Amino acid sequence: QVQLVESGGGLVQPGGPLRLSCGASGNIFSTHTMGWYRQAPGNQRESVATITTGGSIKYADSVKGRFTISRDDAKNTVYLQMNSLQPEDTAIYYCNLQWWRRRTYNYWGQGTQVTVSS
């Protein structure tokens, strides 16, 4: 069984920074992708940033230049550094871990609330 535990959400003023962390534990395939998704009220869940074990990174256009995803493989942890936060970044942020081995394995964290407001 795989578990993902997120931390780092909270309330921040517009223009401020916030850093999210997600630690993974359990039986994890060596080749996988970790990432961050978010869901605002009334919206569908969307991809924010993903990073593979090979180091390939993808960002949503809305966060390019402001957010940075990174990982520490020794700790099975992925980070999301968010700078220049705006009210439209307000959402629940979910950590995701997935890989394909004969079928897709897809795991989610419990979510952490990020609120950008003055």
N, C-alpha and C. Protein backbone atom coordinates (compact mmCIF):
# COMPACT_ATOMS: atom_id res chain seq x y z
N GLN A 1 0.84 -1.19 0.00
CA GLN A 1 0.00 0.00 0.00
C GLN A 1 0.88 1.24 0.00
N VAL A 2 0.47 2.26 -0.74
CA VAL A 2 1.21 3.51 -0.84
C VAL A 2 0.46 4.61 -0.10
N GLN A 3 1.21 5.39 0.66
CA GLN A 3 0.62 6.53 1.36
C GLN A 3 1.35 7.81 0.97
N LEU A 4 0.58 8.88 0.81
CA LEU A 4 1.13 10.20 0.52
C LEU A 4 0.65 11.15 1.60
N VAL A 5 1.59 11.87 2.20
CA VAL A 5 1.24 12.81 3.27
C VAL A 5 1.75 14.19 2.89
N GLU A 6 0.80 15.13 2.76
CA GLU A 6 1.15 16.49 2.36
C GLU A 6 1.25 17.40 3.57
N SER A 7 2.01 18.47 3.42
CA SER A 7 2.08 19.50 4.45
C SER A 7 2.47 20.82 3.79
N GLY A 8 2.23 21.90 4.52
CA GLY A 8 2.70 23.20 4.06
C GLY A 8 1.65 24.16 3.57
N GLY A 9 0.40 23.74 3.52
CA GLY A 9 -0.64 24.66 3.08
C GLY A 9 -0.93 25.71 4.13
N GLY A 10 -1.77 26.69 3.75
CA GLY A 10 -2.13 27.72 4.70
C GLY A 10 -2.63 28.96 4.02
N LEU A 11 -2.67 30.03 4.80
CA LEU A 11 -3.13 31.33 4.31
C LEU A 11 -1.93 32.22 4.03
N VAL A 12 -1.93 32.83 2.86
CA VAL A 12 -0.82 33.71 2.49
C VAL A 12 -1.37 34.92 1.75
N GLN A 13 -0.69 36.04 1.90
CA GLN A 13 -1.12 37.26 1.20
C GLN A 13 -0.72 37.23 -0.27
N PRO A 14 -1.46 37.92 -1.11
CA PRO A 14 -1.07 37.99 -2.53
C PRO A 14 0.37 38.46 -2.69
N GLY A 15 1.07 37.76 -3.57
CA GLY A 15 2.48 38.08 -3.79
C GLY A 15 3.43 37.30 -2.92
N GLY A 16 2.89 36.60 -1.92
CA GLY A 16 3.73 35.87 -0.99
C GLY A 16 4.08 34.48 -1.46
N PRO A 17 5.01 33.82 -0.74
CA PRO A 17 5.43 32.46 -1.08
C PRO A 17 4.82 31.43 -0.14
N LEU A 18 4.86 30.19 -0.60
CA LEU A 18 4.44 29.06 0.21
C LEU A 18 5.11 27.83 -0.37
N ARG A 19 5.46 26.90 0.50
CA ARG A 19 6.11 25.66 0.05
C ARG A 19 5.33 24.46 0.52
N LEU A 20 4.97 23.60 -0.40
CA LEU A 20 4.28 22.37 -0.08
C LEU A 20 5.26 21.20 -0.14
N SER A 21 5.03 20.22 0.75
CA SER A 21 5.82 19.00 0.76
C SER A 21 4.90 17.79 0.71
N CYS A 22 5.39 16.72 0.11
CA CYS A 22 4.62 15.48 0.06
C CYS A 22 5.57 14.31 0.20
N GLY A 23 5.41 13.56 1.28
CA GLY A 23 6.23 12.38 1.50
C GLY A 23 5.49 11.12 1.11
N ALA A 24 6.16 10.24 0.40
CA ALA A 24 5.55 8.99 -0.05
C ALA A 24 6.18 7.82 0.69
N SER A 25 5.35 6.82 1.02
CA SER A 25 5.85 5.62 1.67
C SER A 25 5.08 4.43 1.13
N GLY A 26 5.70 3.24 1.29
CA GLY A 26 5.05 2.02 0.83
C GLY A 26 5.81 1.40 -0.31
N ASN A 27 5.11 0.56 -1.04
CA ASN A 27 5.70 -0.19 -2.15
C ASN A 27 5.62 0.64 -3.43
N ILE A 28 6.67 1.38 -3.71
CA ILE A 28 6.69 2.32 -4.83
C ILE A 28 7.59 1.80 -5.92
N PHE A 29 7.07 1.74 -7.13
CA PHE A 29 7.87 1.31 -8.26
C PHE A 29 8.97 2.32 -8.53
N SER A 30 10.14 1.83 -8.91
CA SER A 30 11.31 2.69 -9.03
C SER A 30 11.15 3.78 -10.09
N THR A 31 10.39 3.52 -11.13
CA THR A 31 10.17 4.51 -12.19
C THR A 31 8.75 5.04 -12.05
N HIS A 32 8.62 6.31 -11.71
CA HIS A 32 7.29 6.85 -11.47
C HIS A 32 7.29 8.36 -11.66
N THR A 33 6.11 8.92 -11.59
CA THR A 33 5.93 10.36 -11.68
C THR A 33 5.24 10.85 -10.42
N MET A 34 5.77 11.92 -9.86
CA MET A 34 5.10 12.58 -8.74
C MET A 34 4.67 13.97 -9.19
N GLY A 35 3.61 14.45 -8.59
CA GLY A 35 3.15 15.75 -9.03
C GLY A 35 2.16 16.39 -8.09
N TRP A 36 1.79 17.60 -8.44
CA TRP A 36 0.81 18.37 -7.68
C TRP A 36 -0.35 18.75 -8.59
N TYR A 37 -1.55 18.56 -8.05
CA TYR A 37 -2.77 18.95 -8.74
C TYR A 37 -3.53 19.87 -7.79
N ARG A 38 -4.47 20.61 -8.33
CA ARG A 38 -5.27 21.47 -7.46
C ARG A 38 -6.72 21.51 -7.94
N GLN A 39 -7.59 21.80 -6.99
CA GLN A 39 -9.01 21.89 -7.30
C GLN A 39 -9.62 23.03 -6.52
N ALA A 40 -10.11 24.02 -7.25
CA ALA A 40 -10.79 25.15 -6.65
C ALA A 40 -12.30 24.86 -6.64
N PRO A 41 -13.04 25.50 -5.74
CA PRO A 41 -14.49 25.26 -5.67
C PRO A 41 -15.16 25.47 -7.02
N GLY A 42 -15.96 24.49 -7.44
CA GLY A 42 -16.67 24.59 -8.70
C GLY A 42 -15.86 24.25 -9.92
N ASN A 43 -14.57 23.94 -9.71
CA ASN A 43 -13.70 23.62 -10.85
C ASN A 43 -13.29 22.16 -10.83
N GLN A 44 -12.83 21.68 -11.98
CA GLN A 44 -12.26 20.34 -12.03
C GLN A 44 -10.84 20.36 -11.49
N ARG A 45 -10.39 19.20 -11.06
CA ARG A 45 -9.01 19.08 -10.62
C ARG A 45 -8.09 19.24 -11.83
N GLU A 46 -7.03 20.03 -11.64
CA GLU A 46 -6.12 20.28 -12.75
C GLU A 46 -4.68 20.03 -12.33
N SER A 47 -3.87 19.68 -13.30
CA SER A 47 -2.46 19.46 -13.05
C SER A 47 -1.75 20.79 -12.88
N VAL A 48 -0.90 20.86 -11.86
CA VAL A 48 -0.11 22.06 -11.61
C VAL A 48 1.33 21.84 -12.08
N ALA A 49 1.93 20.75 -11.62
CA ALA A 49 3.32 20.45 -11.98
C ALA A 49 3.58 18.97 -11.72
N THR A 50 4.39 18.37 -12.59
CA THR A 50 4.77 16.97 -12.41
C THR A 50 6.25 16.80 -12.66
N ILE A 51 6.83 15.78 -12.03
CA ILE A 51 8.25 15.48 -12.20
C ILE A 51 8.45 13.98 -12.19
N THR A 52 9.21 13.49 -13.16
CA THR A 52 9.45 12.05 -13.25
C THR A 52 10.73 11.68 -12.51
N THR A 53 10.94 10.38 -12.33
CA THR A 53 12.18 9.93 -11.72
C THR A 53 13.37 10.28 -12.59
N GLY A 54 13.14 10.47 -13.88
CA GLY A 54 14.21 10.87 -14.78
C GLY A 54 14.47 12.36 -14.77
N GLY A 55 13.63 13.10 -14.06
CA GLY A 55 13.83 14.54 -13.94
C GLY A 55 13.06 15.39 -14.93
N SER A 56 12.19 14.78 -15.74
CA SER A 56 11.39 15.58 -16.67
C SER A 56 10.29 16.31 -15.90
N ILE A 57 10.13 17.57 -16.22
CA ILE A 57 9.20 18.43 -15.49
C ILE A 57 8.20 19.07 -16.45
N LYS A 58 6.96 19.14 -16.00
CA LYS A 58 5.92 19.85 -16.74
C LYS A 58 5.19 20.78 -15.78
N TYR A 59 4.86 21.97 -16.28
CA TYR A 59 4.10 22.94 -15.50
C TYR A 59 2.85 23.36 -16.27
N ALA A 60 1.81 23.68 -15.52
CA ALA A 60 0.67 24.33 -16.13
C ALA A 60 1.09 25.73 -16.56
N ASP A 61 0.53 26.21 -17.66
CA ASP A 61 0.90 27.54 -18.15
C ASP A 61 0.66 28.62 -17.11
N SER A 62 -0.35 28.44 -16.29
CA SER A 62 -0.73 29.47 -15.32
C SER A 62 0.27 29.63 -14.18
N VAL A 63 1.17 28.65 -14.02
CA VAL A 63 2.12 28.73 -12.91
C VAL A 63 3.57 28.83 -13.37
N LYS A 64 3.80 28.75 -14.66
CA LYS A 64 5.18 28.81 -15.17
C LYS A 64 5.84 30.12 -14.75
N GLY A 65 7.07 29.99 -14.26
CA GLY A 65 7.80 31.17 -13.82
C GLY A 65 7.53 31.56 -12.38
N ARG A 66 6.50 30.96 -11.78
CA ARG A 66 6.17 31.29 -10.38
C ARG A 66 6.34 30.07 -9.45
N PHE A 67 6.04 28.88 -9.96
CA PHE A 67 6.12 27.67 -9.15
C PHE A 67 7.31 26.83 -9.60
N THR A 68 7.90 26.12 -8.64
CA THR A 68 9.00 25.21 -8.93
C THR A 68 8.77 23.88 -8.23
N ILE A 69 8.79 22.80 -9.00
CA ILE A 69 8.65 21.47 -8.43
C ILE A 69 10.03 20.84 -8.33
N SER A 70 10.26 20.10 -7.26
CA SER A 70 11.53 19.40 -7.09
C SER A 70 11.27 18.13 -6.29
N ARG A 71 12.27 17.25 -6.25
CA ARG A 71 12.10 16.01 -5.52
C ARG A 71 13.39 15.60 -4.85
N ASP A 72 13.25 14.88 -3.75
CA ASP A 72 14.36 14.29 -3.03
C ASP A 72 14.11 12.79 -3.02
N ASP A 73 14.78 12.07 -3.90
CA ASP A 73 14.52 10.64 -4.04
C ASP A 73 14.94 9.85 -2.80
N ALA A 74 15.93 10.33 -2.09
CA ALA A 74 16.36 9.63 -0.88
C ALA A 74 15.26 9.65 0.17
N LYS A 75 14.43 10.69 0.13
CA LYS A 75 13.34 10.81 1.10
C LYS A 75 11.98 10.49 0.49
N ASN A 76 11.96 10.15 -0.80
CA ASN A 76 10.67 9.92 -1.50
C ASN A 76 9.73 11.10 -1.28
N THR A 77 10.27 12.28 -1.44
CA THR A 77 9.50 13.49 -1.16
C THR A 77 9.53 14.42 -2.37
N VAL A 78 8.39 15.03 -2.63
CA VAL A 78 8.29 16.03 -3.70
C VAL A 78 7.87 17.35 -3.08
N TYR A 79 8.40 18.43 -3.63
CA TYR A 79 8.14 19.76 -3.10
C TYR A 79 7.52 20.64 -4.19
N LEU A 80 6.77 21.62 -3.75
CA LEU A 80 6.26 22.63 -4.67
C LEU A 80 6.51 23.99 -4.03
N GLN A 81 7.48 24.71 -4.58
CA GLN A 81 7.74 26.07 -4.12
C GLN A 81 6.88 27.01 -4.94
N MET A 82 6.02 27.73 -4.26
CA MET A 82 5.08 28.63 -4.93
C MET A 82 5.43 30.06 -4.56
N ASN A 83 5.75 30.86 -5.56
CA ASN A 83 6.07 32.27 -5.36
C ASN A 83 5.05 33.14 -6.08
N SER A 84 5.01 34.40 -5.70
CA SER A 84 4.10 35.36 -6.34
C SER A 84 2.68 34.82 -6.40
N LEU A 85 2.22 34.29 -5.29
CA LEU A 85 0.89 33.69 -5.26
C LEU A 85 -0.19 34.73 -5.48
N GLN A 86 -1.23 34.32 -6.18
CA GLN A 86 -2.36 35.19 -6.51
C GLN A 86 -3.65 34.55 -5.99
N PRO A 87 -4.69 35.36 -5.80
CA PRO A 87 -5.96 34.80 -5.31
C PRO A 87 -6.47 33.63 -6.16
N GLU A 88 -6.20 33.65 -7.45
CA GLU A 88 -6.67 32.55 -8.31
C GLU A 88 -5.91 31.25 -8.08
N ASP A 89 -4.85 31.29 -7.28
CA ASP A 89 -4.15 30.07 -6.90
C ASP A 89 -4.82 29.37 -5.72
N THR A 90 -5.81 30.00 -5.13
CA THR A 90 -6.53 29.42 -4.01
C THR A 90 -7.22 28.13 -4.43
N ALA A 91 -6.91 27.05 -3.71
CA ALA A 91 -7.46 25.73 -4.05
C ALA A 91 -6.98 24.72 -3.02
N ILE A 92 -7.53 23.53 -3.12
CA ILE A 92 -6.96 22.41 -2.39
C ILE A 92 -5.91 21.78 -3.31
N TYR A 93 -4.72 21.61 -2.79
CA TYR A 93 -3.62 21.05 -3.56
C TYR A 93 -3.42 19.59 -3.15
N TYR A 94 -3.36 18.74 -4.15
CA TYR A 94 -3.23 17.30 -3.94
C TYR A 94 -1.91 16.79 -4.50
N CYS A 95 -1.26 15.96 -3.73
CA CYS A 95 -0.06 15.27 -4.19
C CYS A 95 -0.49 14.00 -4.94
N ASN A 96 0.24 13.68 -5.98
CA ASN A 96 -0.08 12.50 -6.79
C ASN A 96 1.17 11.69 -7.09
N LEU A 97 1.01 10.40 -7.09
CA LEU A 97 2.10 9.48 -7.44
C LEU A 97 1.53 8.45 -8.39
N GLN A 98 2.17 8.24 -9.51
CA GLN A 98 1.65 7.27 -10.45
C GLN A 98 2.77 6.63 -11.25
N TRP A 99 2.47 5.38 -11.66
CA TRP A 99 3.37 4.67 -12.57
C TRP A 99 2.58 3.65 -13.35
N TRP A 100 3.19 3.15 -14.40
CA TRP A 100 2.54 2.13 -15.22
C TRP A 100 3.41 0.89 -15.20
N ARG A 101 2.80 -0.24 -14.83
CA ARG A 101 3.45 -1.54 -14.88
C ARG A 101 2.34 -2.55 -15.08
N ARG A 102 2.09 -2.86 -16.32
CA ARG A 102 0.97 -3.71 -16.76
C ARG A 102 -0.37 -3.01 -16.58
N ARG A 103 -0.45 -2.12 -15.65
CA ARG A 103 -1.63 -1.27 -15.50
C ARG A 103 -1.20 0.01 -14.81
N THR A 104 -2.10 0.98 -14.76
CA THR A 104 -1.78 2.25 -14.12
C THR A 104 -2.00 2.16 -12.61
N TYR A 105 -1.01 2.59 -11.88
CA TYR A 105 -1.12 2.72 -10.43
C TYR A 105 -1.18 4.22 -10.15
N ASN A 106 -2.18 4.65 -9.44
CA ASN A 106 -2.44 6.08 -9.24
C ASN A 106 -2.85 6.33 -7.80
N TYR A 107 -2.07 7.16 -7.09
CA TYR A 107 -2.31 7.40 -5.67
C TYR A 107 -2.41 8.90 -5.41
N TRP A 108 -3.27 9.25 -4.44
CA TRP A 108 -3.50 10.65 -4.08
C TRP A 108 -3.29 10.88 -2.59
N GLY A 109 -2.79 12.07 -2.28
CA GLY A 109 -2.76 12.50 -0.89
C GLY A 109 -4.12 13.02 -0.47
N GLN A 110 -4.22 13.43 0.79
CA GLN A 110 -5.50 13.87 1.34
C GLN A 110 -5.83 15.31 0.96
N GLY A 111 -4.86 16.04 0.46
CA GLY A 111 -5.07 17.42 0.06
C GLY A 111 -4.70 18.41 1.14
N THR A 112 -4.21 19.57 0.74
CA THR A 112 -3.90 20.63 1.68
C THR A 112 -4.42 21.94 1.11
N GLN A 113 -5.07 22.72 1.95
CA GLN A 113 -5.70 23.96 1.50
C GLN A 113 -4.68 25.08 1.38
N VAL A 114 -4.71 25.75 0.25
CA VAL A 114 -3.91 26.96 0.04
C VAL A 114 -4.88 28.10 -0.23
N THR A 115 -4.81 29.13 0.60
CA THR A 115 -5.69 30.28 0.45
C THR A 115 -4.83 31.53 0.30
N VAL A 116 -5.06 32.26 -0.80
CA VAL A 116 -4.32 33.49 -1.06
C VAL A 116 -5.29 34.65 -0.93
N SER A 117 -5.11 35.42 0.13
CA SER A 117 -6.05 36.50 0.41
C SER A 117 -5.39 37.55 1.28
N SER A 118 -5.81 38.78 1.10
CA SER A 118 -5.32 39.85 1.95
C SER A 118 -6.27 40.07 3.13
